[in-house]
N, C-alpha and C. Protein backbone atom coordinates (compact mmCIF):
# COMPACT_ATOMS: atom_id res chain seq x y z
N MET A 1 71.26 135.21 72.68
CA MET A 1 71.06 134.52 73.93
C MET A 1 70.64 135.52 74.99
N THR A 2 69.85 135.06 75.92
CA THR A 2 69.34 135.88 76.99
C THR A 2 70.40 136.04 78.07
N ASP A 3 70.43 137.23 78.68
CA ASP A 3 71.30 137.43 79.83
C ASP A 3 70.87 136.52 80.96
N ILE A 4 71.83 136.01 81.68
CA ILE A 4 71.53 135.14 82.81
C ILE A 4 71.31 136.03 84.03
N PRO A 5 70.11 135.97 84.63
CA PRO A 5 69.84 136.82 85.79
C PRO A 5 70.42 136.21 87.06
N SER A 6 70.46 137.00 88.11
CA SER A 6 70.86 136.48 89.41
C SER A 6 69.70 135.65 89.96
N VAL A 7 70.01 134.48 90.45
CA VAL A 7 69.00 133.59 91.00
C VAL A 7 69.51 133.11 92.35
N SER A 8 68.64 133.13 93.35
CA SER A 8 69.04 132.63 94.67
C SER A 8 69.03 131.10 94.65
N PHE A 9 69.74 130.51 95.57
CA PHE A 9 69.77 129.05 95.65
C PHE A 9 68.38 128.51 95.95
N ASP A 10 67.62 129.17 96.83
CA ASP A 10 66.26 128.71 97.14
C ASP A 10 65.38 128.72 95.91
N ARG A 11 65.48 129.75 95.11
CA ARG A 11 64.66 129.86 93.90
C ARG A 11 65.05 128.77 92.88
N LEU A 12 66.35 128.49 92.76
CA LEU A 12 66.80 127.45 91.85
C LEU A 12 66.32 126.08 92.31
N ILE A 13 66.38 125.82 93.60
CA ILE A 13 65.93 124.55 94.15
C ILE A 13 64.43 124.37 93.92
N ARG A 14 63.64 125.42 94.11
CA ARG A 14 62.19 125.34 93.85
C ARG A 14 61.93 125.07 92.36
N ALA A 15 62.69 125.72 91.48
CA ALA A 15 62.49 125.54 90.04
C ALA A 15 62.81 124.10 89.62
N VAL A 16 63.88 123.54 90.16
CA VAL A 16 64.24 122.16 89.84
C VAL A 16 63.13 121.22 90.30
N GLY A 17 62.56 121.49 91.46
CA GLY A 17 61.44 120.69 91.96
C GLY A 17 60.22 120.77 91.07
N LYS A 18 59.93 121.97 90.54
CA LYS A 18 58.79 122.16 89.64
C LYS A 18 58.93 121.34 88.37
N LEU A 19 60.17 121.08 87.96
CA LEU A 19 60.41 120.33 86.74
C LEU A 19 60.31 118.82 86.94
N GLY A 20 59.94 118.39 88.14
CA GLY A 20 59.74 116.97 88.38
C GLY A 20 60.93 116.27 89.01
N PHE A 21 61.94 117.01 89.40
CA PHE A 21 63.09 116.41 90.07
C PHE A 21 62.77 116.24 91.55
N GLU A 22 63.24 115.15 92.12
CA GLU A 22 63.03 114.89 93.54
C GLU A 22 64.37 114.80 94.25
N ILE A 23 64.38 115.20 95.50
CA ILE A 23 65.61 115.12 96.29
C ILE A 23 65.91 113.65 96.58
N VAL A 24 67.12 113.25 96.22
CA VAL A 24 67.56 111.88 96.46
C VAL A 24 68.36 111.82 97.76
N ARG A 25 69.24 112.80 97.94
CA ARG A 25 70.04 112.84 99.16
C ARG A 25 70.65 114.23 99.31
N GLN A 26 71.17 114.48 100.49
CA GLN A 26 71.90 115.72 100.74
C GLN A 26 73.13 115.38 101.55
N ARG A 27 74.25 115.93 101.14
CA ARG A 27 75.49 115.75 101.86
C ARG A 27 76.08 117.13 102.08
N GLY A 28 76.05 117.56 103.31
CA GLY A 28 76.50 118.92 103.60
C GLY A 28 75.56 119.91 102.96
N SER A 29 76.12 120.83 102.19
CA SER A 29 75.29 121.85 101.54
C SER A 29 74.89 121.46 100.12
N HIS A 30 75.25 120.27 99.66
CA HIS A 30 74.94 119.85 98.30
C HIS A 30 73.72 118.93 98.28
N ILE A 31 72.71 119.34 97.51
CA ILE A 31 71.47 118.59 97.40
C ILE A 31 71.46 117.90 96.04
N ARG A 32 71.27 116.59 96.04
CA ARG A 32 71.26 115.78 94.82
C ARG A 32 69.81 115.52 94.42
N PHE A 33 69.48 115.86 93.16
CA PHE A 33 68.15 115.65 92.62
C PHE A 33 68.20 114.60 91.52
N SER A 34 67.11 113.87 91.36
CA SER A 34 67.00 112.88 90.30
C SER A 34 65.60 112.99 89.68
N HIS A 35 65.53 112.72 88.38
CA HIS A 35 64.27 112.74 87.65
C HIS A 35 63.96 111.31 87.22
N ARG A 36 62.68 111.00 87.05
CA ARG A 36 62.29 109.65 86.64
C ARG A 36 62.90 109.22 85.31
N ASP A 37 63.21 110.19 84.43
CA ASP A 37 63.77 109.84 83.12
C ASP A 37 65.29 109.65 83.16
N GLY A 38 65.89 109.73 84.35
CA GLY A 38 67.32 109.46 84.48
C GLY A 38 68.21 110.67 84.64
N ARG A 39 67.67 111.87 84.40
CA ARG A 39 68.49 113.07 84.58
C ARG A 39 68.79 113.29 86.05
N LYS A 40 69.97 113.82 86.34
CA LYS A 40 70.38 114.10 87.71
C LYS A 40 71.07 115.45 87.75
N THR A 41 71.00 116.10 88.88
CA THR A 41 71.72 117.35 89.08
C THR A 41 72.01 117.52 90.56
N THR A 42 73.05 118.27 90.84
CA THR A 42 73.41 118.62 92.21
C THR A 42 73.39 120.13 92.34
N VAL A 43 72.69 120.61 93.36
CA VAL A 43 72.60 122.04 93.60
C VAL A 43 73.17 122.32 94.99
N PRO A 44 74.23 123.12 95.07
CA PRO A 44 74.75 123.48 96.38
C PRO A 44 73.84 124.52 97.02
N ASP A 45 73.52 124.35 98.27
CA ASP A 45 72.60 125.24 98.98
C ASP A 45 73.40 126.18 99.88
N HIS A 46 73.82 127.31 99.33
CA HIS A 46 74.58 128.30 100.08
C HIS A 46 73.65 129.46 100.40
N ASP A 47 73.19 129.51 101.64
CA ASP A 47 72.20 130.50 102.06
C ASP A 47 72.67 131.93 101.82
N HIS A 48 71.69 132.77 101.46
CA HIS A 48 71.89 134.22 101.35
C HIS A 48 72.87 134.62 100.27
N ARG A 49 73.08 133.77 99.29
CA ARG A 49 73.95 134.13 98.18
C ARG A 49 73.26 133.74 96.88
N ASP A 50 73.63 134.42 95.80
CA ASP A 50 73.10 134.05 94.49
C ASP A 50 73.96 132.96 93.88
N VAL A 51 73.34 132.18 93.01
CA VAL A 51 74.05 131.11 92.31
C VAL A 51 74.95 131.76 91.27
N PRO A 52 76.22 131.35 91.18
CA PRO A 52 77.08 131.89 90.13
C PRO A 52 76.48 131.61 88.75
N LYS A 53 76.61 132.57 87.85
CA LYS A 53 75.98 132.46 86.54
C LYS A 53 76.48 131.26 85.75
N GLY A 54 77.74 130.92 85.88
CA GLY A 54 78.28 129.75 85.18
C GLY A 54 77.65 128.46 85.67
N LEU A 55 77.37 128.38 86.96
CA LEU A 55 76.73 127.19 87.53
C LEU A 55 75.28 127.09 87.06
N ILE A 56 74.59 128.21 87.00
CA ILE A 56 73.21 128.21 86.48
C ILE A 56 73.21 127.68 85.05
N LEU A 57 74.11 128.19 84.24
CA LEU A 57 74.20 127.77 82.84
C LEU A 57 74.47 126.28 82.73
N LYS A 58 75.39 125.76 83.54
CA LYS A 58 75.73 124.34 83.50
C LYS A 58 74.53 123.49 83.91
N ILE A 59 73.87 123.87 84.99
CA ILE A 59 72.73 123.09 85.47
C ILE A 59 71.60 123.09 84.44
N VAL A 60 71.29 124.25 83.90
CA VAL A 60 70.17 124.35 82.95
C VAL A 60 70.48 123.62 81.65
N ARG A 61 71.61 123.88 81.05
CA ARG A 61 71.92 123.29 79.74
C ARG A 61 72.23 121.80 79.81
N HIS A 62 73.06 121.39 80.76
CA HIS A 62 73.54 120.02 80.77
C HIS A 62 72.72 119.09 81.66
N ASP A 63 72.39 119.52 82.85
CA ASP A 63 71.69 118.64 83.77
C ASP A 63 70.18 118.61 83.53
N LEU A 64 69.57 119.79 83.36
CA LEU A 64 68.14 119.86 83.12
C LEU A 64 67.79 119.64 81.66
N ASP A 65 68.78 119.78 80.78
CA ASP A 65 68.63 119.56 79.35
C ASP A 65 67.53 120.44 78.76
N MET A 66 67.64 121.75 79.03
CA MET A 66 66.68 122.70 78.47
C MET A 66 67.40 124.00 78.11
N SER A 67 66.76 124.82 77.32
CA SER A 67 67.38 126.09 76.94
C SER A 67 67.21 127.10 78.08
N MET A 68 68.10 128.07 78.11
CA MET A 68 68.04 129.10 79.13
C MET A 68 66.73 129.89 79.01
N ASP A 69 66.29 130.16 77.79
CA ASP A 69 65.04 130.91 77.59
C ASP A 69 63.85 130.16 78.20
N ASN A 70 63.77 128.85 77.97
CA ASN A 70 62.68 128.05 78.54
C ASN A 70 62.75 128.04 80.06
N PHE A 71 63.94 127.95 80.60
CA PHE A 71 64.11 127.95 82.04
C PHE A 71 63.66 129.28 82.64
N LEU A 72 64.04 130.39 82.00
CA LEU A 72 63.67 131.71 82.51
C LEU A 72 62.15 131.93 82.46
N GLU A 73 61.50 131.40 81.43
CA GLU A 73 60.04 131.49 81.36
C GLU A 73 59.39 130.72 82.50
N MET A 74 59.98 129.57 82.85
CA MET A 74 59.45 128.72 83.91
C MET A 74 59.62 129.37 85.28
N LEU A 75 60.70 130.15 85.45
CA LEU A 75 60.92 130.83 86.73
C LEU A 75 59.79 131.81 86.99
């Protein structure tokens, strides 16, 4: 398995958008995304900090339903 790199919240939000997810709503610092095929994910937008590696893994594997390697290539 590939090492999980540090990713900023802005970069993660842009990547989710590139995959066809659209912002449905935002409540506080949490941005909710939805895809036409029914997938959903929530990304907390904490400025000037990197996303914790466990959260990246959860979002990529479970919410985006893709492998970490494919996600890293897309970044």
